[in-house]
Amino acid sequence: MADIVSKVKKVWMDSFVFRIIQKRIDHYFQKNLINDNFTILSPNCIGGCIYHRLGKKFLSPTINMWLLQPDFITFLLHLDDYIDQPLRFVESDEKTPVAKIGDRTEKLPEITLHFNHAKSSIEAEELWNRRKIRINKENLYVILYNLDGVTEEQIHLLDNYPCKNKIVLTQKVLPNIPWSKYIKRPNYGQFPDAYLCKDIFGIRYIEKKWDFVEFLNQE
């Protein structure tokens, strides 16, 4: 039964009608966007999903990969230093490349980058190096998740982070963090993957619950 549903879904998503619907949805979001040449730093695929929906060039190295939230916060706080560091690919149980970055000191702790959409370490490194030099610090936006055991104390480290706008997406209310956005987890899937799930028309759950275009238009 699951195979039949999967085949029907693929036929629908490959259809001309579905592609037309997607173009209309893309236009709906794109027509209200007044910002351009922005960098989105995010710990998982949500940044790439937003770039794709808005038809914008990837001006961020954190595309098609993921980091644990504590590692992501550390990465943000020492952005320039990490960008200058080489990737050190390591053996792992994952089927896609995993790399370490940092000099293993207290100043620059070692963090882990998971390139879950890269076919090889060569591809992962090429994409990372190409996109990291595109970062636009004058038009920078940060998306964080309340996940992976990250504490409110760690999140508060970004309260005064130098960016145009920032948000922490959470499935529980964080009253002490004014830049948090509570979004109830849907009945299907696990947080945060469920936020990116699509309905029959290709609209993601997060797109229904959060105005990311307004987020990018605001400073």
N, C-alpha and C. Protein backbone atom coordinates (compact mmCIF):
# COMPACT_ATOMS: atom_id res chain seq x y z
N MET A 1 0.83 -1.20 0.00
CA MET A 1 0.00 0.00 0.00
C MET A 1 0.86 1.25 0.00
N ALA A 2 1.94 1.22 0.81
CA ALA A 2 2.83 2.37 0.89
C ALA A 2 3.49 2.64 -0.45
N ASP A 3 3.83 1.57 -1.18
CA ASP A 3 4.45 1.72 -2.50
C ASP A 3 3.49 2.38 -3.48
N ILE A 4 2.23 2.01 -3.41
CA ILE A 4 1.22 2.57 -4.31
C ILE A 4 1.05 4.07 -4.03
N VAL A 5 0.97 4.42 -2.74
CA VAL A 5 0.82 5.82 -2.35
C VAL A 5 2.03 6.62 -2.82
N SER A 6 3.21 6.05 -2.66
CA SER A 6 4.44 6.73 -3.08
C SER A 6 4.46 6.96 -4.59
N LYS A 7 4.02 5.97 -5.36
CA LYS A 7 4.00 6.10 -6.82
C LYS A 7 2.99 7.15 -7.27
N VAL A 8 1.81 7.13 -6.63
CA VAL A 8 0.78 8.13 -6.97
C VAL A 8 1.28 9.54 -6.65
N LYS A 9 1.94 9.67 -5.50
CA LYS A 9 2.48 10.97 -5.09
C LYS A 9 3.51 11.47 -6.10
N LYS A 10 4.38 10.54 -6.56
CA LYS A 10 5.41 10.94 -7.53
C LYS A 10 4.79 11.36 -8.85
N VAL A 11 3.78 10.63 -9.30
CA VAL A 11 3.09 10.99 -10.56
C VAL A 11 2.48 12.39 -10.44
N TRP A 12 1.85 12.66 -9.29
CA TRP A 12 1.23 13.97 -9.07
C TRP A 12 2.26 15.08 -9.06
N MET A 13 3.39 14.87 -8.35
CA MET A 13 4.42 15.91 -8.22
C MET A 13 5.18 16.13 -9.53
N ASP A 14 5.14 15.14 -10.41
CA ASP A 14 5.79 15.28 -11.72
C ASP A 14 4.84 15.84 -12.78
N SER A 15 3.60 16.05 -12.40
CA SER A 15 2.59 16.45 -13.37
C SER A 15 2.69 17.93 -13.72
N PHE A 16 2.15 18.27 -14.88
CA PHE A 16 2.13 19.65 -15.35
C PHE A 16 1.29 20.53 -14.41
N VAL A 17 0.18 20.00 -13.95
CA VAL A 17 -0.71 20.77 -13.06
C VAL A 17 0.01 21.13 -11.77
N PHE A 18 0.73 20.16 -11.19
CA PHE A 18 1.45 20.42 -9.94
C PHE A 18 2.52 21.50 -10.15
N ARG A 19 3.22 21.44 -11.27
CA ARG A 19 4.26 22.45 -11.55
C ARG A 19 3.64 23.84 -11.69
N ILE A 20 2.48 23.93 -12.31
CA ILE A 20 1.80 25.22 -12.43
C ILE A 20 1.41 25.75 -11.05
N ILE A 21 0.88 24.86 -10.21
CA ILE A 21 0.52 25.26 -8.85
C ILE A 21 1.74 25.77 -8.10
N GLN A 22 2.87 25.09 -8.26
CA GLN A 22 4.09 25.52 -7.58
C GLN A 22 4.55 26.91 -8.04
N LYS A 23 4.41 27.17 -9.32
CA LYS A 23 4.79 28.48 -9.84
C LYS A 23 3.89 29.57 -9.26
N ARG A 24 2.62 29.27 -9.10
CA ARG A 24 1.69 30.24 -8.51
C ARG A 24 2.03 30.49 -7.05
N ILE A 25 2.37 29.43 -6.33
CA ILE A 25 2.73 29.56 -4.91
C ILE A 25 4.03 30.35 -4.78
N ASP A 26 5.02 30.03 -5.62
CA ASP A 26 6.29 30.77 -5.61
C ASP A 26 6.03 32.26 -5.82
N HIS A 27 5.18 32.55 -6.81
CA HIS A 27 4.88 33.95 -7.13
C HIS A 27 4.22 34.65 -5.95
N TYR A 28 3.34 33.95 -5.24
CA TYR A 28 2.65 34.52 -4.08
C TYR A 28 3.65 35.02 -3.05
N PHE A 29 4.67 34.21 -2.76
CA PHE A 29 5.67 34.61 -1.78
C PHE A 29 6.64 35.66 -2.35
N GLN A 30 7.04 35.48 -3.59
CA GLN A 30 8.06 36.34 -4.18
C GLN A 30 7.56 37.77 -4.40
N LYS A 31 6.29 37.95 -4.69
CA LYS A 31 5.77 39.28 -5.00
C LYS A 31 5.82 40.22 -3.80
N ASN A 32 5.83 39.67 -2.59
CA ASN A 32 5.85 40.50 -1.38
C ASN A 32 7.25 40.72 -0.83
N LEU A 33 8.25 40.10 -1.43
CA LEU A 33 9.62 40.23 -0.94
C LEU A 33 10.25 41.51 -1.48
N ILE A 34 10.74 42.37 -0.59
CA ILE A 34 11.41 43.59 -1.02
C ILE A 34 12.90 43.53 -0.74
N ASN A 35 13.35 42.54 -0.03
CA ASN A 35 14.76 42.37 0.29
C ASN A 35 15.45 41.55 -0.80
N ASP A 36 16.77 41.69 -0.89
CA ASP A 36 17.52 40.94 -1.88
C ASP A 36 18.96 40.78 -1.38
N ASN A 37 19.67 39.84 -1.97
CA ASN A 37 21.07 39.60 -1.61
C ASN A 37 21.25 39.37 -0.11
N PHE A 38 20.39 38.55 0.46
CA PHE A 38 20.45 38.27 1.89
C PHE A 38 21.09 36.91 2.15
N THR A 39 21.74 36.83 3.29
CA THR A 39 22.31 35.57 3.75
C THR A 39 21.46 35.02 4.88
N ILE A 40 21.05 33.76 4.74
CA ILE A 40 20.34 33.06 5.80
C ILE A 40 21.27 32.01 6.38
N LEU A 41 21.57 32.13 7.65
CA LEU A 41 22.33 31.09 8.34
C LEU A 41 21.34 30.29 9.18
N SER A 42 21.28 28.99 8.93
CA SER A 42 20.34 28.12 9.63
C SER A 42 21.01 26.78 9.89
N PRO A 43 20.53 26.04 10.90
CA PRO A 43 21.17 24.78 11.27
C PRO A 43 20.67 23.57 10.51
N ASN A 44 19.73 23.77 9.60
CA ASN A 44 19.24 22.63 8.80
C ASN A 44 18.69 23.14 7.47
N CYS A 45 17.86 22.33 6.83
CA CYS A 45 17.43 22.60 5.46
C CYS A 45 16.47 23.77 5.30
N ILE A 46 15.99 24.36 6.38
CA ILE A 46 14.98 25.40 6.24
C ILE A 46 15.50 26.60 5.45
N GLY A 47 16.77 26.94 5.61
CA GLY A 47 17.34 28.05 4.86
C GLY A 47 17.29 27.81 3.36
N GLY A 48 17.68 26.60 2.96
CA GLY A 48 17.64 26.25 1.54
C GLY A 48 16.23 26.23 1.00
N CYS A 49 15.27 25.77 1.80
CA CYS A 49 13.87 25.74 1.38
C CYS A 49 13.36 27.16 1.11
N ILE A 50 13.75 28.10 1.96
CA ILE A 50 13.32 29.49 1.79
C ILE A 50 13.96 30.10 0.55
N TYR A 51 15.26 29.90 0.38
CA TYR A 51 15.94 30.40 -0.82
C TYR A 51 15.26 29.85 -2.07
N HIS A 52 14.98 28.56 -2.06
CA HIS A 52 14.38 27.92 -3.23
C HIS A 52 13.00 28.49 -3.53
N ARG A 53 12.19 28.65 -2.48
CA ARG A 53 10.83 29.17 -2.68
C ARG A 53 10.86 30.58 -3.25
N LEU A 54 11.84 31.37 -2.80
CA LEU A 54 11.92 32.76 -3.24
C LEU A 54 12.74 32.94 -4.51
N GLY A 55 13.32 31.86 -5.01
CA GLY A 55 14.08 31.92 -6.25
C GLY A 55 15.36 32.73 -6.12
N LYS A 56 15.99 32.68 -4.96
CA LYS A 56 17.19 33.48 -4.71
C LYS A 56 18.46 32.61 -4.68
N LYS A 57 19.56 33.24 -4.98
CA LYS A 57 20.86 32.57 -4.97
C LYS A 57 21.26 32.23 -3.54
N PHE A 58 21.89 31.06 -3.37
CA PHE A 58 22.34 30.63 -2.06
C PHE A 58 23.56 31.44 -1.60
N LEU A 59 23.33 32.41 -0.73
CA LEU A 59 24.43 33.22 -0.19
C LEU A 59 24.77 32.76 1.22
N SER A 60 24.91 31.47 1.39
CA SER A 60 25.13 30.89 2.71
C SER A 60 25.80 29.54 2.59
N PRO A 61 26.77 29.24 3.47
CA PRO A 61 27.39 27.91 3.44
C PRO A 61 26.55 26.85 4.13
N THR A 62 25.56 27.25 4.95
CA THR A 62 24.78 26.27 5.72
C THR A 62 23.56 25.81 4.95
N ILE A 63 23.76 25.49 3.68
CA ILE A 63 22.69 25.01 2.82
C ILE A 63 22.88 23.52 2.57
N ASN A 64 21.80 22.76 2.59
CA ASN A 64 21.85 21.31 2.34
C ASN A 64 22.79 20.60 3.30
N MET A 65 22.74 20.98 4.55
CA MET A 65 23.53 20.35 5.60
C MET A 65 22.85 20.64 6.94
N TRP A 66 23.41 20.08 8.03
CA TRP A 66 22.83 20.39 9.34
C TRP A 66 23.90 20.34 10.43
N LEU A 67 23.61 21.08 11.50
CA LEU A 67 24.44 21.10 12.70
C LEU A 67 23.52 20.95 13.91
N LEU A 68 24.03 20.43 15.00
CA LEU A 68 23.32 20.48 16.26
C LEU A 68 23.21 21.94 16.69
N GLN A 69 22.13 22.29 17.38
CA GLN A 69 21.90 23.69 17.74
C GLN A 69 23.03 24.30 18.58
N PRO A 70 23.56 23.61 19.62
CA PRO A 70 24.68 24.20 20.36
C PRO A 70 25.89 24.47 19.47
N ASP A 71 26.17 23.55 18.53
CA ASP A 71 27.27 23.77 17.58
C ASP A 71 26.98 24.96 16.68
N PHE A 72 25.73 25.09 16.28
CA PHE A 72 25.35 26.19 15.40
C PHE A 72 25.53 27.54 16.09
N ILE A 73 25.15 27.62 17.35
CA ILE A 73 25.33 28.86 18.11
C ILE A 73 26.81 29.19 18.24
N THR A 74 27.62 28.18 18.53
CA THR A 74 29.07 28.39 18.61
C THR A 74 29.61 28.87 17.27
N PHE A 75 29.13 28.28 16.19
CA PHE A 75 29.53 28.68 14.84
C PHE A 75 29.21 30.15 14.59
N LEU A 76 28.02 30.57 14.97
CA LEU A 76 27.61 31.96 14.76
C LEU A 76 28.48 32.93 15.56
N LEU A 77 28.78 32.57 16.80
CA LEU A 77 29.53 33.47 17.68
C LEU A 77 30.97 33.65 17.25
N HIS A 78 31.48 32.70 16.45
CA HIS A 78 32.87 32.78 15.96
C HIS A 78 32.88 32.59 14.44
N LEU A 79 31.93 33.22 13.78
CA LEU A 79 31.71 32.99 12.35
C LEU A 79 32.97 33.18 11.52
N ASP A 80 33.63 34.31 11.67
CA ASP A 80 34.82 34.59 10.85
C ASP A 80 35.92 33.55 11.07
N ASP A 81 36.11 33.16 12.32
CA ASP A 81 37.16 32.19 12.63
C ASP A 81 36.87 30.83 12.02
N TYR A 82 35.63 30.39 12.12
CA TYR A 82 35.28 29.08 11.55
C TYR A 82 35.34 29.09 10.03
N ILE A 83 34.93 30.17 9.43
CA ILE A 83 34.97 30.26 7.97
C ILE A 83 36.41 30.13 7.46
N ASP A 84 37.35 30.61 8.24
CA ASP A 84 38.77 30.54 7.83
C ASP A 84 39.39 29.17 8.09
N GLN A 85 38.69 28.31 8.80
CA GLN A 85 39.24 26.99 9.14
C GLN A 85 38.98 25.98 8.02
N PRO A 86 39.91 25.05 7.80
CA PRO A 86 39.68 23.99 6.82
C PRO A 86 38.76 22.91 7.38
N LEU A 87 38.05 22.24 6.50
CA LEU A 87 37.21 21.11 6.91
C LEU A 87 38.08 19.88 7.12
N ARG A 88 37.78 19.12 8.17
CA ARG A 88 38.47 17.85 8.41
C ARG A 88 37.42 16.74 8.38
N PHE A 89 37.37 16.01 7.28
CA PHE A 89 36.36 14.96 7.14
C PHE A 89 36.75 13.74 7.97
N VAL A 90 35.74 13.15 8.60
CA VAL A 90 35.98 12.05 9.52
C VAL A 90 35.09 10.86 9.16
N GLU A 91 35.49 9.69 9.64
CA GLU A 91 34.68 8.49 9.46
C GLU A 91 33.46 8.57 10.38
N SER A 92 32.31 8.09 9.89
CA SER A 92 31.10 8.09 10.71
C SER A 92 30.17 6.98 10.23
N ASP A 93 29.11 6.77 10.98
CA ASP A 93 28.10 5.78 10.60
C ASP A 93 27.12 6.33 9.57
N GLU A 94 27.21 7.63 9.30
CA GLU A 94 26.33 8.25 8.32
C GLU A 94 26.77 7.91 6.90
N LYS A 95 25.83 7.88 5.99
CA LYS A 95 26.14 7.53 4.60
C LYS A 95 26.63 8.72 3.81
N THR A 96 26.52 9.91 4.38
CA THR A 96 26.96 11.13 3.72
C THR A 96 28.11 11.76 4.51
N PRO A 97 28.84 12.69 3.91
CA PRO A 97 30.06 13.22 4.53
C PRO A 97 29.80 13.95 5.86
N VAL A 98 30.74 13.77 6.77
CA VAL A 98 30.73 14.46 8.06
C VAL A 98 32.10 15.08 8.26
N ALA A 99 32.12 16.35 8.67
CA ALA A 99 33.39 17.05 8.84
C ALA A 99 33.45 17.74 10.19
N LYS A 100 34.66 17.91 10.69
CA LYS A 100 34.92 18.67 11.90
C LYS A 100 35.57 19.99 11.48
N ILE A 101 35.32 21.01 12.29
CA ILE A 101 35.92 22.31 12.02
C ILE A 101 36.18 23.01 13.35
N GLY A 102 37.28 23.76 13.42
CA GLY A 102 37.68 24.40 14.66
C GLY A 102 39.09 23.96 15.04
N ASP A 103 39.73 24.72 15.91
CA ASP A 103 41.11 24.39 16.29
C ASP A 103 41.20 23.64 17.62
N ARG A 104 40.06 23.21 18.13
CA ARG A 104 39.99 22.37 19.34
C ARG A 104 40.47 23.09 20.60
N THR A 105 40.41 24.41 20.57
CA THR A 105 40.76 25.19 21.74
C THR A 105 39.49 25.75 22.37
N GLU A 106 39.64 26.33 23.55
CA GLU A 106 38.48 26.93 24.21
C GLU A 106 37.95 28.11 23.39
N LYS A 107 38.85 28.79 22.71
CA LYS A 107 38.45 29.93 21.89
C LYS A 107 37.65 29.49 20.67
N LEU A 108 38.05 28.38 20.09
CA LEU A 108 37.37 27.90 18.89
C LEU A 108 37.14 26.39 19.01
N PRO A 109 36.11 26.00 19.74
CA PRO A 109 35.83 24.58 19.96
C PRO A 109 35.54 23.85 18.66
N GLU A 110 35.81 22.57 18.66
CA GLU A 110 35.53 21.76 17.48
C GLU A 110 34.02 21.50 17.38
N ILE A 111 33.47 21.74 16.21
CA ILE A 111 32.05 21.47 15.96
C ILE A 111 31.93 20.54 14.76
N THR A 112 30.75 19.95 14.59
CA THR A 112 30.54 18.94 13.55
C THR A 112 29.55 19.43 12.51
N LEU A 113 29.91 19.24 11.25
CA LEU A 113 29.06 19.61 10.12
C LEU A 113 28.62 18.34 9.41
N HIS A 114 27.31 18.19 9.20
CA HIS A 114 26.76 17.00 8.54
C HIS A 114 26.27 17.40 7.15
N PHE A 115 26.96 16.92 6.12
CA PHE A 115 26.60 17.27 4.74
C PHE A 115 25.66 16.19 4.18
N ASN A 116 24.43 16.19 4.64
CA ASN A 116 23.51 15.10 4.33
C ASN A 116 22.96 15.13 2.91
N HIS A 117 23.28 16.15 2.13
CA HIS A 117 22.83 16.19 0.73
C HIS A 117 23.99 16.10 -0.25
N ALA A 118 25.20 15.88 0.26
CA ALA A 118 26.38 15.77 -0.61
C ALA A 118 26.69 14.30 -0.87
N LYS A 119 27.12 14.01 -2.08
CA LYS A 119 27.43 12.63 -2.45
C LYS A 119 28.83 12.21 -2.03
N SER A 120 29.71 13.19 -1.82
CA SER A 120 31.09 12.88 -1.45
C SER A 120 31.68 14.03 -0.66
N SER A 121 32.80 13.77 -0.01
CA SER A 121 33.48 14.83 0.73
C SER A 121 34.01 15.90 -0.21
N ILE A 122 34.37 15.49 -1.42
CA ILE A 122 34.87 16.46 -2.42
C ILE A 122 33.76 17.44 -2.78
N GLU A 123 32.55 16.91 -3.02
CA GLU A 123 31.42 17.78 -3.35
C GLU A 123 31.07 18.67 -2.17
N ALA A 124 31.05 18.10 -0.97
CA ALA A 124 30.70 18.87 0.23
C ALA A 124 31.68 20.03 0.43
N GLU A 125 32.96 19.75 0.28
CA GLU A 125 33.97 20.79 0.49
C GLU A 125 33.89 21.87 -0.58
N GLU A 126 33.63 21.45 -1.81
CA GLU A 126 33.54 22.42 -2.91
C GLU A 126 32.36 23.37 -2.69
N LEU A 127 31.22 22.83 -2.29
CA LEU A 127 30.04 23.66 -2.04
C LEU A 127 30.26 24.58 -0.84
N TRP A 128 30.83 24.04 0.22
CA TRP A 128 31.11 24.83 1.43
C TRP A 128 32.02 26.01 1.11
N ASN A 129 33.11 25.74 0.41
CA ASN A 129 34.09 26.80 0.09
C ASN A 129 33.52 27.83 -0.88
N ARG A 130 32.68 27.39 -1.81
CA ARG A 130 32.11 28.31 -2.77
C ARG A 130 31.09 29.25 -2.10
N ARG A 131 30.29 28.69 -1.21
CA ARG A 131 29.20 29.47 -0.62
C ARG A 131 29.64 30.31 0.57
N LYS A 132 30.70 29.91 1.26
CA LYS A 132 31.10 30.67 2.45
C LYS A 132 31.62 32.06 2.10
N ILE A 133 32.15 32.21 0.89
CA ILE A 133 32.66 33.52 0.49
C ILE A 133 31.54 34.43 0.00
N ARG A 134 30.31 33.90 -0.09
CA ARG A 134 29.17 34.70 -0.53
C ARG A 134 28.46 35.38 0.64
N ILE A 135 28.82 35.05 1.87
CA ILE A 135 28.11 35.59 3.03
C ILE A 135 28.05 37.11 2.97
N ASN A 136 26.85 37.64 3.10
CA ASN A 136 26.64 39.09 3.11
C ASN A 136 26.34 39.51 4.55
N LYS A 137 27.37 39.94 5.26
CA LYS A 137 27.21 40.29 6.67
C LYS A 137 26.37 41.55 6.87
N GLU A 138 26.22 42.32 5.81
CA GLU A 138 25.41 43.53 5.90
C GLU A 138 23.92 43.23 5.75
N ASN A 139 23.59 42.00 5.38
CA ASN A 139 22.19 41.62 5.17
C ASN A 139 22.00 40.18 5.65
N LEU A 140 22.26 39.99 6.94
CA LEU A 140 22.35 38.66 7.53
C LEU A 140 21.12 38.33 8.38
N TYR A 141 20.60 37.12 8.19
CA TYR A 141 19.43 36.64 8.93
C TYR A 141 19.74 35.27 9.53
N VAL A 142 19.27 35.05 10.76
CA VAL A 142 19.58 33.83 11.49
C VAL A 142 18.30 33.10 11.89
N ILE A 143 18.26 31.80 11.62
CA ILE A 143 17.15 30.94 12.04
C ILE A 143 17.71 29.85 12.93
N LEU A 144 17.14 29.72 14.11
CA LEU A 144 17.59 28.74 15.10
C LEU A 144 16.40 27.88 15.51
N TYR A 145 16.68 26.70 16.06
CA TYR A 145 15.63 25.83 16.59
C TYR A 145 15.86 25.57 18.07
N ASN A 146 14.78 25.44 18.80
CA ASN A 146 14.84 25.01 20.20
C ASN A 146 14.89 23.48 20.20
N LEU A 147 16.10 22.95 20.06
CA LEU A 147 16.28 21.53 19.78
C LEU A 147 17.65 21.08 20.26
N ASP A 148 17.86 19.79 20.31
CA ASP A 148 19.17 19.19 20.61
C ASP A 148 19.68 19.54 22.01
N GLY A 149 18.77 19.80 22.94
CA GLY A 149 19.19 20.09 24.29
C GLY A 149 19.76 21.48 24.48
N VAL A 150 19.56 22.37 23.49
CA VAL A 150 20.05 23.74 23.63
C VAL A 150 19.32 24.41 24.79
N THR A 151 20.04 25.20 25.57
CA THR A 151 19.45 25.85 26.73
C THR A 151 19.07 27.29 26.41
N GLU A 152 18.18 27.84 27.24
CA GLU A 152 17.81 29.24 27.06
C GLU A 152 19.04 30.14 27.27
N GLU A 153 19.91 29.74 28.15
CA GLU A 153 21.14 30.51 28.37
C GLU A 153 21.97 30.57 27.10
N GLN A 154 22.07 29.45 26.39
CA GLN A 154 22.81 29.43 25.13
C GLN A 154 22.11 30.29 24.07
N ILE A 155 20.80 30.20 24.01
CA ILE A 155 20.05 31.00 23.04
C ILE A 155 20.24 32.49 23.32
N HIS A 156 20.25 32.85 24.59
CA HIS A 156 20.42 34.27 24.97
C HIS A 156 21.77 34.83 24.54
N LEU A 157 22.73 33.98 24.23
CA LEU A 157 24.02 34.46 23.74
C LEU A 157 23.88 35.19 22.42
N LEU A 158 22.77 34.95 21.73
CA LEU A 158 22.53 35.58 20.43
C LEU A 158 21.61 36.80 20.53
N ASP A 159 21.25 37.20 21.73
CA ASP A 159 20.32 38.33 21.90
C ASP A 159 20.79 39.57 21.16
N ASN A 160 22.07 39.84 21.21
CA ASN A 160 22.62 41.04 20.58
C ASN A 160 23.48 40.70 19.35
N TYR A 161 23.17 39.60 18.74
CA TYR A 161 23.97 39.17 17.60
C TYR A 161 23.82 40.16 16.44
N PRO A 162 24.92 40.50 15.77
CA PRO A 162 24.88 41.49 14.69
C PRO A 162 24.26 40.94 13.40
N CYS A 163 22.95 41.02 13.31
CA CYS A 163 22.26 40.58 12.10
C CYS A 163 21.02 41.44 11.92
N LYS A 164 20.42 41.37 10.75
CA LYS A 164 19.23 42.16 10.47
C LYS A 164 18.02 41.65 11.23
N ASN A 165 17.93 40.33 11.35
CA ASN A 165 16.79 39.74 12.04
C ASN A 165 17.16 38.31 12.43
N LYS A 166 16.51 37.80 13.47
CA LYS A 166 16.78 36.43 13.92
C LYS A 166 15.51 35.86 14.53
N ILE A 167 15.44 34.54 14.59
CA ILE A 167 14.28 33.87 15.15
C ILE A 167 14.69 32.50 15.66
N VAL A 168 14.07 32.08 16.76
CA VAL A 168 14.23 30.71 17.23
C VAL A 168 12.85 30.06 17.15
N LEU A 169 12.74 29.03 16.35
CA LEU A 169 11.49 28.29 16.17
C LEU A 169 11.39 27.24 17.25
N THR A 170 10.24 27.17 17.92
CA THR A 170 10.11 26.29 19.06
C THR A 170 8.74 25.64 19.13
N GLN A 171 8.69 24.42 19.61
CA GLN A 171 7.40 23.74 19.79
C GLN A 171 6.88 23.90 21.21
N LYS A 172 7.58 24.71 22.02
CA LYS A 172 7.05 25.09 23.32
C LYS A 172 7.32 26.57 23.54
N VAL A 173 6.46 27.23 24.25
CA VAL A 173 6.56 28.68 24.44
C VAL A 173 7.82 29.01 25.25
N LEU A 174 8.55 30.04 24.77
CA LEU A 174 9.74 30.53 25.46
C LEU A 174 9.49 32.00 25.82
N PRO A 175 8.81 32.26 26.94
CA PRO A 175 8.41 33.63 27.28
C PRO A 175 9.57 34.58 27.53
N ASN A 176 10.74 34.04 27.85
CA ASN A 176 11.90 34.88 28.16
C ASN A 176 12.74 35.20 26.93
N ILE A 177 12.30 34.70 25.78
CA ILE A 177 13.04 34.97 24.54
C ILE A 177 12.09 35.64 23.57
N PRO A 178 12.10 36.97 23.50
CA PRO A 178 11.12 37.70 22.67
C PRO A 178 11.25 37.42 21.18
N TRP A 179 12.39 36.95 20.75
CA TRP A 179 12.56 36.67 19.31
C TRP A 179 12.29 35.19 18.97
N SER A 180 11.57 34.51 19.89
CA SER A 180 11.18 33.12 19.62
C SER A 180 9.81 33.10 18.95
N LYS A 181 9.55 32.04 18.21
CA LYS A 181 8.27 31.86 17.52
C LYS A 181 7.74 30.46 17.84
N TYR A 182 6.66 30.43 18.61
CA TYR A 182 6.06 29.13 18.95
C TYR A 182 5.20 28.64 17.78
N ILE A 183 5.49 27.45 17.33
CA ILE A 183 4.69 26.81 16.29
C ILE A 183 4.39 25.39 16.73
N LYS A 184 3.15 25.10 16.94
CA LYS A 184 2.75 23.77 17.39
C LYS A 184 3.17 22.72 16.38
N ARG A 185 3.72 21.63 16.88
CA ARG A 185 4.10 20.54 15.98
C ARG A 185 2.85 19.90 15.42
N PRO A 186 2.82 19.63 14.12
CA PRO A 186 1.64 18.97 13.54
C PRO A 186 1.50 17.55 14.07
N ASN A 187 0.37 16.94 13.81
CA ASN A 187 0.10 15.60 14.30
C ASN A 187 0.94 14.53 13.61
N TYR A 188 1.54 14.89 12.49
CA TYR A 188 2.36 13.93 11.76
C TYR A 188 3.84 14.34 11.87
N GLY A 189 4.72 13.39 11.82
CA GLY A 189 6.15 13.67 11.79
C GLY A 189 6.71 14.16 13.10
N GLN A 190 8.02 14.29 13.15
CA GLN A 190 8.74 14.72 14.33
C GLN A 190 9.29 16.12 14.14
N PHE A 191 9.30 16.89 15.22
CA PHE A 191 9.93 18.21 15.21
C PHE A 191 11.44 18.02 15.06
N PRO A 192 12.15 18.78 14.19
CA PRO A 192 11.60 19.86 13.37
C PRO A 192 11.25 19.46 11.95
N ASP A 193 11.49 18.18 11.58
CA ASP A 193 11.24 17.76 10.20
C ASP A 193 9.80 18.01 9.77
N ALA A 194 8.88 17.87 10.72
CA ALA A 194 7.46 18.05 10.39
C ALA A 194 7.17 19.47 9.90
N TYR A 195 7.96 20.45 10.34
CA TYR A 195 7.77 21.82 9.90
C TYR A 195 7.96 21.94 8.38
N LEU A 196 8.79 21.08 7.81
CA LEU A 196 9.12 21.18 6.39
C LEU A 196 8.28 20.26 5.51
N CYS A 197 7.40 19.47 6.13
CA CYS A 197 6.54 18.57 5.36
C CYS A 197 5.59 19.38 4.47
N LYS A 198 5.29 18.81 3.29
CA LYS A 198 4.42 19.48 2.33
C LYS A 198 3.03 18.86 2.30
N ASP A 199 2.03 19.70 2.00
CA ASP A 199 0.69 19.17 1.79
C ASP A 199 0.54 18.75 0.34
N ILE A 200 -0.66 18.40 -0.07
CA ILE A 200 -0.89 17.89 -1.41
C ILE A 200 -0.58 18.92 -2.50
N PHE A 201 -0.59 20.21 -2.14
CA PHE A 201 -0.29 21.26 -3.11
C PHE A 201 1.18 21.71 -3.06
N GLY A 202 1.97 21.05 -2.20
CA GLY A 202 3.40 21.38 -2.13
C GLY A 202 3.71 22.54 -1.20
N ILE A 203 2.76 22.92 -0.34
CA ILE A 203 3.00 24.00 0.62
C ILE A 203 3.50 23.39 1.93
N ARG A 204 4.61 23.90 2.41
CA ARG A 204 5.18 23.37 3.65
C ARG A 204 4.40 23.86 4.86
N TYR A 205 4.39 23.04 5.91
CA TYR A 205 3.70 23.40 7.15
C TYR A 205 4.22 24.71 7.70
N ILE A 206 5.54 24.91 7.66
CA ILE A 206 6.15 26.13 8.20
C ILE A 206 5.70 27.36 7.41
N GLU A 207 5.42 27.19 6.11
CA GLU A 207 4.99 28.31 5.28
C GLU A 207 3.58 28.77 5.65
N LYS A 208 2.81 27.90 6.26
CA LYS A 208 1.47 28.25 6.69
C LYS A 208 1.47 28.93 8.06
N LYS A 209 2.49 28.65 8.85
CA LYS A 209 2.51 29.09 10.24
C LYS A 209 3.43 30.28 10.51
N TRP A 210 4.31 30.59 9.57
CA TRP A 210 5.30 31.64 9.81
C TRP A 210 5.49 32.45 8.54
N ASP A 211 5.38 33.78 8.66
CA ASP A 211 5.57 34.67 7.51
C ASP A 211 7.07 34.97 7.36
N PHE A 212 7.76 34.06 6.67
CA PHE A 212 9.21 34.22 6.51
C PHE A 212 9.56 35.37 5.57
N VAL A 213 8.62 35.76 4.70
CA VAL A 213 8.87 36.90 3.83
C VAL A 213 8.92 38.18 4.66
N GLU A 214 7.98 38.34 5.57
CA GLU A 214 8.00 39.49 6.47
C GLU A 214 9.27 39.48 7.33
N PHE A 215 9.68 38.30 7.77
CA PHE A 215 10.91 38.15 8.54
C PHE A 215 12.11 38.70 7.78
N LEU A 216 12.17 38.42 6.48
CA LEU A 216 13.30 38.87 5.66
C LEU A 216 13.16 40.34 5.26
N ASN A 217 11.96 40.87 5.29
CA ASN A 217 11.76 42.28 4.95
C ASN A 217 12.03 43.21 6.13
N GLN A 218 12.02 42.66 7.34
CA GLN A 218 12.19 43.46 8.54
C GLN A 218 13.65 43.53 8.97
N GLU A 219 13.99 44.60 9.67
CA GLU A 219 15.31 44.76 10.29
C GLU A 219 15.11 44.91 11.78
